[in-house]
Amino acid sequence: MTMTMAMFARSSRSSARALLRCQAPSVRRLAGNTRCLSALTSGLNSGSSSSSTTSQPWRVIDSQTRIRGALSFSSQAGTETAGDADASAEETALTSKQLEEARKRYRFTRQDFQPLQTKPLHFDMVFDMTESKVKVTLQTTIKHDGAQPLSELKLNAKELQVLSVEQLDKFTPLGGGNDFVAHVQSFGEPRALQYEVDTVDHFLVIKLDKPVQSGEEFVIRTVSVATPTENILEGLYFDYTPEGAPKTIITQCQQHGFQRIVPCIDTMDAKAYYTT
């Protein structure tokens, strides 16, 4: 009797483990790093054993990667109906609206991290500093790698007073070299360009008189004024100063503090050399 009960207990535990394995959800990768539960099992039919348990797939009804909240699932089996197309269109519109709202709330989205079409090669910077203001004359050498000609340049510029924007037509291109002293010495006289300052999205928008072709270098000169702060630890800010000592200004350019010092392409992949 004892042996029979022991064998029955082992058999029951084995059946329970089999049932748990059958009911455990699997994880399916959708796209990129997004994963979701892809299958859950239905209940046992009356009188059926664990070996006859059938899994009922859960169907994703929101095919887009979530922005907020969780992905939606449905346990209803069956093929798509005529209303699925309308639902898909509504979901696409909803996702676009969510993406627009996310762009307002967050600094960057995944779509912002694309190969640079226009990248800086070198910064030549001259600082004129007082205790309250920092005036910077910046000459930026830029290369355009986009497929289409460039007629407008957008630079990140946050809380800056832009005094002038010019372009230098005469200069010796870097061409992949690193003789930056000779490069700066080759600069000719600048000419003024039209520009706009976007104080909402924090851009300096420069209108180029002559479109820059793919593979070409060009040089933009800007004169701007930055204001060091006491409580914003980006760009330029004042460090603790002992009594009787001159003020100390600290620079903090990462992750996005350089645009508080000068107008620039301020992304993590826009790396360049600079001289002062």
C-alpha atoms as a PDB file:
ATOM      1  CA  MET A   1       0.000   0.000   0.000  1.00  0.00           C
ATOM      2  CA  THR A   2       2.823   2.366   0.878  1.00  0.00           C
ATOM      3  CA  MET A   3       4.599   1.629  -2.407  1.00  0.00           C
ATOM      4  CA  THR A   4       1.372   2.162  -4.366  1.00  0.00           C
ATOM      5  CA  MET A   5       0.779   5.556  -2.715  1.00  0.00           C
ATOM      6  CA  ALA A   6       4.387   6.616  -3.380  1.00  0.00           C
ATOM      7  CA  MET A   7       4.104   5.685  -7.049  1.00  0.00           C
ATOM      8  CA  PHE A   8       0.792   7.599  -7.274  1.00  0.00           C
ATOM      9  CA  ALA A   9       2.405  10.673  -5.666  1.00  0.00           C
ATOM     10  CA  ARG A  10       5.342  10.577  -8.111  1.00  0.00           C
ATOM     11  CA  SER A  11       2.905  10.186 -11.015  1.00  0.00           C
ATOM     12  CA  SER A  12       0.838  13.153  -9.785  1.00  0.00           C
ATOM     13  CA  ARG A  13       3.926  15.347  -9.445  1.00  0.00           C
ATOM     14  CA  SER A  14       5.051  14.403 -12.971  1.00  0.00           C
ATOM     15  CA  SER A  15       1.623  15.267 -14.375  1.00  0.00           C
ATOM     16  CA  ALA A  16       1.639  18.592 -12.523  1.00  0.00           C
ATOM     17  CA  ARG A  17       5.098  19.453 -13.885  1.00  0.00           C
ATOM     18  CA  ALA A  18       3.963  18.552 -17.399  1.00  0.00           C
ATOM     19  CA  LEU A  19       0.891  20.740 -16.994  1.00  0.00           C
ATOM     20  CA  LEU A  20       2.963  23.677 -15.733  1.00  0.00           C
ATOM     21  CA  ARG A  21       5.381  23.308 -18.633  1.00  0.00           C
ATOM     22  CA  CYS A  22       2.457  23.282 -21.041  1.00  0.00           C
ATOM     23  CA  GLN A  23       0.905  26.381 -19.504  1.00  0.00           C
ATOM     24  CA  ALA A  24       4.124  28.391 -19.187  1.00  0.00           C
ATOM     25  CA  PRO A  25       4.176  31.325 -21.636  1.00  0.00           C
ATOM     26  CA  SER A  26       6.998  31.658 -24.117  1.00  0.00           C
ATOM     27  CA  VAL A  27       8.769  34.898 -24.966  1.00  0.00           C
ATOM     28  CA  ARG A  28       8.894  36.055 -28.568  1.00  0.00           C
ATOM     29  CA  ARG A  29      11.079  38.873 -29.898  1.00  0.00           C
ATOM     30  CA  LEU A  30       9.096  41.386 -31.939  1.00  0.00           C
ATOM     31  CA  ALA A  31      11.595  43.936 -33.162  1.00  0.00           C
ATOM     32  CA  GLY A  32      14.862  45.301 -31.841  1.00  0.00           C
ATOM     33  CA  ASN A  33      14.921  44.866 -28.081  1.00  0.00           C
ATOM     34  CA  THR A  34      11.145  44.556 -27.706  1.00  0.00           C
ATOM     35  CA  ARG A  35       9.828  41.228 -26.423  1.00  0.00           C
ATOM     36  CA  CYS A  36       6.381  40.046 -25.482  1.00  0.00           C
ATOM     37  CA  LEU A  37       4.532  36.945 -24.341  1.00  0.00           C
ATOM     38  CA  SER A  38       3.619  35.141 -27.547  1.00  0.00           C
ATOM     39  CA  ALA A  39       1.646  32.099 -26.379  1.00  0.00           C
ATOM     40  CA  LEU A  40      -0.463  31.097 -23.422  1.00  0.00           C
ATOM     41  CA  THR A  41      -2.254  27.779 -23.044  1.00  0.00           C
ATOM     42  CA  SER A  42      -5.976  27.310 -22.715  1.00  0.00           C
ATOM     43  CA  GLY A  43      -7.610  25.312 -19.953  1.00  0.00           C
ATOM     44  CA  LEU A  44      -7.892  21.561 -20.078  1.00  0.00           C
ATOM     45  CA  ASN A  45     -10.907  20.083 -21.759  1.00  0.00           C
ATOM     46  CA  SER A  46     -13.049  17.984 -19.501  1.00  0.00           C
ATOM     47  CA  GLY A  47     -11.504  14.559 -19.153  1.00  0.00           C
ATOM     48  CA  SER A  48      -8.379  15.385 -21.203  1.00  0.00           C
ATOM     49  CA  SER A  49      -4.881  14.640 -20.038  1.00  0.00           C
ATOM     50  CA  SER A  50      -1.902  16.981 -19.902  1.00  0.00           C
ATOM     51  CA  SER A  51      -0.532  15.532 -23.131  1.00  0.00           C
ATOM     52  CA  SER A  52      -3.643  16.623 -25.030  1.00  0.00           C
ATOM     53  CA  THR A  53      -3.530  20.230 -23.757  1.00  0.00           C
ATOM     54  CA  THR A  54      -3.608  22.629 -26.711  1.00  0.00           C
ATOM     55  CA  SER A  55      -1.980  26.056 -26.657  1.00  0.00           C
ATOM     56  CA  GLN A  56      -4.034  29.034 -27.751  1.00  0.00           C
ATOM     57  CA  PRO A  57      -1.841  31.828 -29.201  1.00  0.00           C
ATOM     58  CA  TRP A  58      -2.286  35.379 -28.008  1.00  0.00           C
ATOM     59  CA  ARG A  59      -2.495  37.807 -30.924  1.00  0.00           C
ATOM     60  CA  VAL A  60      -0.813  41.206 -30.746  1.00  0.00           C
ATOM     61  CA  ILE A  61      -3.384  43.817 -31.742  1.00  0.00           C
ATOM     62  CA  ASP A  62      -0.988  46.764 -31.453  1.00  0.00           C
ATOM     63  CA  SER A  63       1.843  45.984 -33.843  1.00  0.00           C
ATOM     64  CA  GLN A  64       3.823  49.075 -32.937  1.00  0.00           C
ATOM     65  CA  THR A  65       6.486  49.279 -30.262  1.00  0.00           C
ATOM     66  CA  ARG A  66       4.917  50.852 -27.226  1.00  0.00           C
ATOM     67  CA  ILE A  67       5.678  54.419 -26.254  1.00  0.00           C
ATOM     68  CA  ARG A  68       3.800  54.401 -22.961  1.00  0.00           C
ATOM     69  CA  GLY A  69       1.951  51.657 -21.184  1.00  0.00           C
ATOM     70  CA  ALA A  70       1.889  48.023 -22.247  1.00  0.00           C
ATOM     71  CA  LEU A  71       1.282  46.308 -25.563  1.00  0.00           C
ATOM     72  CA  SER A  72      -2.260  45.045 -26.031  1.00  0.00           C
ATOM     73  CA  PHE A  73      -3.047  41.349 -26.426  1.00  0.00           C
ATOM     74  CA  SER A  74      -6.125  39.330 -27.362  1.00  0.00           C
ATOM     75  CA  SER A  75      -6.747  35.677 -26.529  1.00  0.00           C
ATOM     76  CA  GLN A  76      -9.443  35.331 -29.152  1.00  0.00           C
ATOM     77  CA  ALA A  77      -8.477  32.872 -31.861  1.00  0.00           C
ATOM     78  CA  GLY A  78      -9.365  33.303 -35.508  1.00  0.00           C
ATOM     79  CA  THR A  79      -8.268  35.057 -38.657  1.00  0.00           C
ATOM     80  CA  GLU A  80      -8.289  38.788 -39.298  1.00  0.00           C
ATOM     81  CA  THR A  81     -11.633  40.333 -40.141  1.00  0.00           C
ATOM     82  CA  ALA A  82     -12.567  43.165 -42.467  1.00  0.00           C
ATOM     83  CA  GLY A  83     -12.419  45.581 -39.536  1.00  0.00           C
ATOM     84  CA  ASP A  84      -8.751  44.821 -38.897  1.00  0.00           C
ATOM     85  CA  ALA A  85      -7.652  47.181 -41.692  1.00  0.00           C
ATOM     86  CA  ASP A  86      -9.575  50.078 -40.142  1.00  0.00           C
ATOM     87  CA  ALA A  87      -8.211  49.176 -36.715  1.00  0.00           C
ATOM     88  CA  SER A  88      -4.678  49.102 -38.124  1.00  0.00           C
ATOM     89  CA  ALA A  89      -5.112  52.587 -39.617  1.00  0.00           C
ATOM     90  CA  GLU A  90      -6.415  53.891 -36.301  1.00  0.00           C
ATOM     91  CA  GLU A  91      -3.482  52.311 -34.479  1.00  0.00           C
ATOM     92  CA  THR A  92      -1.006  53.913 -36.914  1.00  0.00           C
ATOM     93  CA  ALA A  93      -2.597  57.325 -36.382  1.00  0.00           C
ATOM     94  CA  LEU A  94      -2.550  56.793 -32.623  1.00  0.00           C
ATOM     95  CA  THR A  95       1.101  55.771 -32.707  1.00  0.00           C
ATOM     96  CA  SER A  96       2.007  58.867 -34.744  1.00  0.00           C
ATOM     97  CA  LYS A  97       0.227  61.048 -32.197  1.00  0.00           C
ATOM     98  CA  GLN A  98       2.004  59.292 -29.334  1.00  0.00           C
ATOM     99  CA  LEU A  99       5.349  59.789 -31.083  1.00  0.00           C
ATOM    100  CA  GLU A 100       4.627  63.491 -31.537  1.00  0.00           C
ATOM    101  CA  GLU A 101       3.775  63.804 -27.850  1.00  0.00           C
ATOM    102  CA  ALA A 102       6.916  61.879 -26.916  1.00  0.00           C
ATOM    103  CA  ARG A 103       9.078  64.243 -28.968  1.00  0.00           C
ATOM    104  CA  LYS A 104       7.708  67.152 -26.943  1.00  0.00           C
ATOM    105  CA  ARG A 105       8.266  65.393 -23.644  1.00  0.00           C
ATOM    106  CA  TYR A 106      11.582  63.655 -24.249  1.00  0.00           C
ATOM    107  CA  ARG A 107      14.782  65.064 -25.704  1.00  0.00           C
ATOM    108  CA  PHE A 108      15.401  62.331 -28.265  1.00  0.00           C
ATOM    109  CA  THR A 109      13.666  59.396 -29.914  1.00  0.00           C
ATOM    110  CA  ARG A 110      15.139  56.394 -31.701  1.00  0.00           C
ATOM    111  CA  GLN A 111      14.622  58.036 -35.109  1.00  0.00           C
ATOM    112  CA  ASP A 112      17.031  60.816 -34.132  1.00  0.00           C
ATOM    113  CA  PHE A 113      19.999  58.443 -34.082  1.00  0.00           C
ATOM    114  CA  GLN A 114      20.759  58.123 -37.785  1.00  0.00           C
ATOM    115  CA  PRO A 115      24.100  58.450 -39.636  1.00  0.00           C
ATOM    116  CA  LEU A 116      25.156  62.102 -39.734  1.00  0.00           C
ATOM    117  CA  GLN A 117      24.507  63.802 -43.059  1.00  0.00           C
ATOM    118  CA  THR A 118      26.463  66.886 -42.004  1.00  0.00           C
ATOM    119  CA  LYS A 119      29.297  66.540 -39.506  1.00  0.00           C
ATOM    120  CA  PRO A 120      31.799  68.933 -37.913  1.00  0.00           C
ATOM    121  CA  LEU A 121      35.500  68.404 -38.549  1.00  0.00           C
ATOM    122  CA  HIS A 122      37.099  71.213 -36.530  1.00  0.00           C
ATOM    123  CA  PHE A 123      36.213  74.065 -34.150  1.00  0.00           C
ATOM    124  CA  ASP A 124      38.399  77.171 -33.875  1.00  0.00           C
ATOM    125  CA  MET A 125      37.281  79.102 -30.777  1.00  0.00           C
ATOM    126  CA  VAL A 126      38.247  82.518 -29.396  1.00  0.00           C
ATOM    127  CA  PHE A 127      36.864  83.418 -25.936  1.00  0.00           C
ATOM    128  CA  ASP A 128      36.270  86.922 -24.575  1.00  0.00           C
ATOM    129  CA  MET A 129      35.317  86.407 -20.920  1.00  0.00           C
ATOM    130  CA  THR A 130      33.952  88.590 -18.162  1.00  0.00           C
ATOM    131  CA  GLU A 131      32.440  87.579 -14.818  1.00  0.00           C
ATOM    132  CA  SER A 132      28.906  87.630 -16.212  1.00  0.00           C
ATOM    133  CA  LYS A 133      29.203  86.929 -19.950  1.00  0.00           C
ATOM    134  CA  VAL A 134      31.305  84.774 -22.284  1.00  0.00           C
ATOM    135  CA  LYS A 135      31.573  85.934 -25.895  1.00  0.00           C
ATOM    136  CA  VAL A 136      32.776  83.261 -28.321  1.00  0.00           C
ATOM    137  CA  THR A 137      33.908  83.681 -31.916  1.00  0.00           C
ATOM    138  CA  LEU A 138      33.597  80.213 -33.425  1.00  0.00           C
ATOM    139  CA  GLN A 139      34.786  79.056 -36.840  1.00  0.00           C
ATOM    140  CA  THR A 140      33.382  75.615 -37.606  1.00  0.00           C
ATOM    141  CA  THR A 141      34.659  73.498 -40.481  1.00  0.00           C
ATOM    142  CA  ILE A 142      31.885  71.171 -41.622  1.00  0.00           C
ATOM    143  CA  LYS A 143      31.629  68.408 -44.218  1.00  0.00           C
ATOM    144  CA  HIS A 144      28.364  67.580 -45.937  1.00  0.00           C
ATOM    145  CA  ASP A 145      27.899  63.870 -46.726  1.00  0.00           C
ATOM    146  CA  GLY A 146      24.200  63.907 -47.579  1.00  0.00           C
ATOM    147  CA  ALA A 147      22.996  62.771 -50.982  1.00  0.00           C
ATOM    148  CA  GLN A 148      21.168  66.058 -51.659  1.00  0.00           C
ATOM    149  CA  PRO A 149      22.692  69.569 -51.729  1.00  0.00           C
ATOM    150  CA  LEU A 150      22.522  71.434 -48.417  1.00  0.00           C
ATOM    151  CA  SER A 151      20.847  74.860 -48.498  1.00  0.00           C
ATOM    152  CA  GLU A 152      19.951  75.203 -44.805  1.00  0.00           C
ATOM    153  CA  LEU A 153      22.033  74.362 -41.744  1.00  0.00           C
ATOM    154  CA  LYS A 154      20.455  73.785 -38.321  1.00  0.00           C
ATOM    155  CA  LEU A 155      22.709  74.120 -35.293  1.00  0.00           C
ATOM    156  CA  ASN A 156      21.754  73.441 -31.690  1.00  0.00           C
ATOM    157  CA  ALA A 157      21.794  76.704 -29.742  1.00  0.00           C
ATOM    158  CA  LYS A 158      20.301  76.955 -26.260  1.00  0.00           C
ATOM    159  CA  GLU A 159      20.026  80.189 -24.270  1.00  0.00           C
ATOM    160  CA  LEU A 160      22.559  81.939 -26.532  1.00  0.00           C
ATOM    161  CA  GLN A 161      22.584  85.488 -27.827  1.00  0.00           C
ATOM    162  CA  VAL A 162      23.618  85.200 -31.485  1.00  0.00           C
ATOM    163  CA  LEU A 163      25.336  88.357 -32.726  1.00  0.00           C
ATOM    164  CA  SER A 164      26.386  87.376 -36.257  1.00  0.00           C
ATOM    165  CA  VAL A 165      26.607  84.455 -38.696  1.00  0.00           C
ATOM    166  CA  GLU A 166      29.028  84.413 -41.644  1.00  0.00           C
ATOM    167  CA  GLN A 167      30.497  82.008 -44.184  1.00  0.00           C
ATOM    168  CA  LEU A 168      34.105  81.837 -45.339  1.00  0.00           C
ATOM    169  CA  ASP A 169      34.454  81.182 -49.060  1.00  0.00           C
ATOM    170  CA  LYS A 170      38.252  81.048 -49.142  1.00  0.00           C
ATOM    171  CA  PHE A 171      40.024  78.308 -47.166  1.00  0.00           C
ATOM    172  CA  THR A 172      42.173  75.225 -47.623  1.00  0.00           C
ATOM    173  CA  PRO A 173      40.035  72.100 -47.061  1.00  0.00           C
ATOM    174  CA  LEU A 174      41.196  69.680 -44.400  1.00  0.00           C
ATOM    175  CA  GLY A 175      40.609  66.738 -46.721  1.00  0.00           C
ATOM    176  CA  GLY A 176      41.083  64.222 -43.930  1.00  0.00           C
ATOM    177  CA  GLY A 177      44.284  65.863 -42.657  1.00  0.00           C
ATOM    178  CA  ASN A 178      44.969  67.308 -39.214  1.00  0.00           C
ATOM    179  CA  ASP A 179      47.073  70.418 -39.876  1.00  0.00           C
ATOM    180  CA  PHE A 180      44.541  72.633 -38.159  1.00  0.00           C
ATOM    181  CA  VAL A 181      46.885  75.600 -37.697  1.00  0.00           C
ATOM    182  CA  ALA A 182      47.514  75.876 -41.441  1.00  0.00           C
ATOM    183  CA  HIS A 183      43.820  75.303 -42.067  1.00  0.00           C
ATOM    184  CA  VAL A 184      42.775  78.243 -39.857  1.00  0.00           C
ATOM    185  CA  GLN A 185      45.504  80.480 -41.283  1.00  0.00           C
ATOM    186  CA  SER A 186      44.073  79.925 -44.771  1.00  0.00           C
ATOM    187  CA  PHE A 187      40.718  81.508 -43.880  1.00  0.00           C
ATOM    188  CA  GLY A 188      39.703  84.454 -46.046  1.00  0.00           C
ATOM    189  CA  GLU A 189      37.255  87.254 -45.396  1.00  0.00           C
ATOM    190  CA  PRO A 190      33.766  86.191 -44.293  1.00  0.00           C
ATOM    191  CA  ARG A 191      30.441  87.289 -45.756  1.00  0.00           C
ATOM    192  CA  ALA A 192      27.209  87.658 -43.827  1.00  0.00           C
ATOM    193  CA  LEU A 193      24.458  85.052 -43.987  1.00  0.00           C
ATOM    194  CA  GLN A 194      20.779  85.210 -43.123  1.00  0.00           C
ATOM    195  CA  TYR A 195      19.712  83.259 -40.070  1.00  0.00           C
ATOM    196  CA  GLU A 196      16.870  82.686 -37.620  1.00  0.00           C
ATOM    197  CA  VAL A 197      16.958  81.764 -33.934  1.00  0.00           C
ATOM    198  CA  ASP A 198      14.357  79.209 -32.854  1.00  0.00           C
ATOM    199  CA  THR A 199      13.927  79.778 -29.117  1.00  0.00           C
ATOM    200  CA  VAL A 200      11.281  77.039 -28.775  1.00  0.00           C
ATOM    201  CA  ASP A 201      13.232  74.061 -30.128  1.00  0.00           C
ATOM    202  CA  HIS A 202      16.612  75.762 -29.527  1.00  0.00           C
ATOM    203  CA  PHE A 203      18.085  75.908 -33.037  1.00  0.00           C
ATOM    204  CA  LEU A 204      20.095  78.400 -35.033  1.00  0.00           C
ATOM    205  CA  VAL A 205      18.812  78.037 -38.606  1.00  0.00           C
ATOM    206  CA  ILE A 206      21.303  79.316 -41.198  1.00  0.00           C
ATOM    207  CA  LYS A 207      20.352  80.031 -44.822  1.00  0.00           C
ATOM    208  CA  LEU A 208      23.191  79.149 -47.195  1.00  0.00           C
ATOM    209  CA  ASP A 209      23.385  81.381 -50.292  1.00  0.00           C
ATOM    210  CA  LYS A 210      25.013  78.650 -52.370  1.00  0.00           C
ATOM    211  CA  PRO A 211      23.946  75.025 -51.738  1.00  0.00           C
ATOM    212  CA  VAL A 212      26.767  72.804 -50.481  1.00  0.00           C
ATOM    213  CA  GLN A 213      27.239  69.684 -52.592  1.00  0.00           C
ATOM    214  CA  SER A 214      27.795  66.196 -51.221  1.00  0.00           C
ATOM    215  CA  GLY A 215      31.416  65.655 -50.182  1.00  0.00           C
ATOM    216  CA  GLU A 216      32.193  69.373 -49.873  1.00  0.00           C
ATOM    217  CA  GLU A 217      33.616  71.170 -46.844  1.00  0.00           C
ATOM    218  CA  PHE A 218      32.494  74.631 -45.755  1.00  0.00           C
ATOM    219  CA  VAL A 219      33.283  77.005 -42.886  1.00  0.00           C
ATOM    220  CA  ILE A 220      30.739  78.918 -40.790  1.00  0.00           C
ATOM    221  CA  ARG A 221      31.726  81.710 -38.401  1.00  0.00           C
ATOM    222  CA  THR A 222      29.396  82.604 -35.538  1.00  0.00           C
ATOM    223  CA  VAL A 223      29.725  85.200 -32.805  1.00  0.00           C
ATOM    224  CA  SER A 224      27.536  84.486 -29.790  1.00  0.00           C
ATOM    225  CA  VAL A 225      27.264  85.266 -26.091  1.00  0.00           C
ATOM    226  CA  ALA A 226      26.698  82.665 -23.375  1.00  0.00           C
ATOM    227  CA  THR A 227      25.636  83.443 -19.819  1.00  0.00           C
ATOM    228  CA  PRO A 228      27.095  81.301 -17.004  1.00  0.00           C
ATOM    229  CA  THR A 229      24.497  80.168 -14.477  1.00  0.00           C
ATOM    230  CA  GLU A 230      24.402  79.359 -10.783  1.00  0.00           C
ATOM    231  CA  ASN A 231      22.044  76.379 -10.914  1.00  0.00           C
ATOM    232  CA  ILE A 232      22.073  74.820 -14.414  1.00  0.00           C
ATOM    233  CA  LEU A 233      25.010  72.426 -14.430  1.00  0.00           C
ATOM    234  CA  GLU A 234      25.397  72.418 -18.222  1.00  0.00           C
ATOM    235  CA  GLY A 235      27.421  74.593 -20.536  1.00  0.00           C
ATOM    236  CA  LEU A 236      29.027  77.275 -18.359  1.00  0.00           C
ATOM    237  CA  TYR A 237      28.307  77.564 -14.652  1.00  0.00           C
ATOM    238  CA  PHE A 238      29.945  79.085 -11.582  1.00  0.00           C
ATOM    239  CA  ASP A 239      31.820  76.817  -9.207  1.00  0.00           C
ATOM    240  CA  TYR A 240      32.028  77.392  -5.450  1.00  0.00           C
ATOM    241  CA  THR A 241      34.252  80.405  -4.843  1.00  0.00           C
ATOM    242  CA  PRO A 242      35.965  81.032  -1.488  1.00  0.00           C
ATOM    243  CA  GLU A 243      35.530  84.506  -0.062  1.00  0.00           C
ATOM    244  CA  GLY A 244      37.968  86.968  -1.581  1.00  0.00           C
ATOM    245  CA  ALA A 245      38.851  84.697  -4.524  1.00  0.00           C
ATOM    246  CA  PRO A 246      37.921  85.384  -8.165  1.00  0.00           C
ATOM    247  CA  LYS A 247      34.950  83.543  -9.591  1.00  0.00           C
ATOM    248  CA  THR A 248      35.590  80.193 -11.244  1.00  0.00           C
ATOM    249  CA  ILE A 249      33.583  79.097 -14.295  1.00  0.00           C
ATOM    250  CA  ILE A 250      33.213  75.383 -15.011  1.00  0.00           C
ATOM    251  CA  THR A 251      32.400  73.898 -18.424  1.00  0.00           C
ATOM    252  CA  GLN A 252      30.120  70.879 -18.753  1.00  0.00           C
ATOM    253  CA  CYS A 253      29.633  69.812 -22.372  1.00  0.00           C
ATOM    254  CA  GLN A 254      28.268  66.271 -21.999  1.00  0.00           C
ATOM    255  CA  GLN A 255      25.726  65.130 -22.796  1.00  0.00           C
ATOM    256  CA  HIS A 256      24.181  68.205 -24.386  1.00  0.00           C
ATOM    257  CA  GLY A 257      25.854  71.170 -22.741  1.00  0.00           C
ATOM    258  CA  PHE A 258      28.048  72.349 -25.628  1.00  0.00           C
ATOM    259  CA  GLN A 259      25.055  74.043 -27.285  1.00  0.00           C
ATOM    260  CA  ARG A 260      24.868  76.317 -24.222  1.00  0.00           C
ATOM    261  CA  ILE A 261      28.359  77.609 -25.069  1.00  0.00           C
ATOM    262  CA  VAL A 262      28.289  77.902 -28.891  1.00  0.00           C
ATOM    263  CA  PRO A 263      25.945  77.029 -31.777  1.00  0.00           C
ATOM    264  CA  CYS A 264      26.898  73.520 -32.896  1.00  0.00           C
ATOM    265  CA  ILE A 265      25.740  70.082 -34.003  1.00  0.00           C
ATOM    266  CA  ASP A 266      25.395  68.821 -30.451  1.00  0.00           C
ATOM    267  CA  THR A 267      24.910  65.074 -30.744  1.00  0.00           C
ATOM    268  CA  MET A 268      26.982  62.306 -29.205  1.00  0.00           C
ATOM    269  CA  ASP A 269      28.271  61.114 -32.591  1.00  0.00           C
ATOM    270  CA  ALA A 270      29.286  64.594 -33.811  1.00  0.00           C
ATOM    271  CA  LYS A 271      32.882  64.407 -32.599  1.00  0.00           C
ATOM    272  CA  ALA A 272      35.466  66.905 -33.848  1.00  0.00           C
ATOM    273  CA  TYR A 273      38.865  68.448 -33.099  1.00  0.00           C
ATOM    274  CA  TYR A 274      39.086  71.954 -31.711  1.00  0.00           C
ATOM    275  CA  THR A 275      41.654  74.680 -31.081  1.00  0.00           C
ATOM    276  CA  THR A 276      41.373  77.731 -28.825  1.00  0.00           C
END
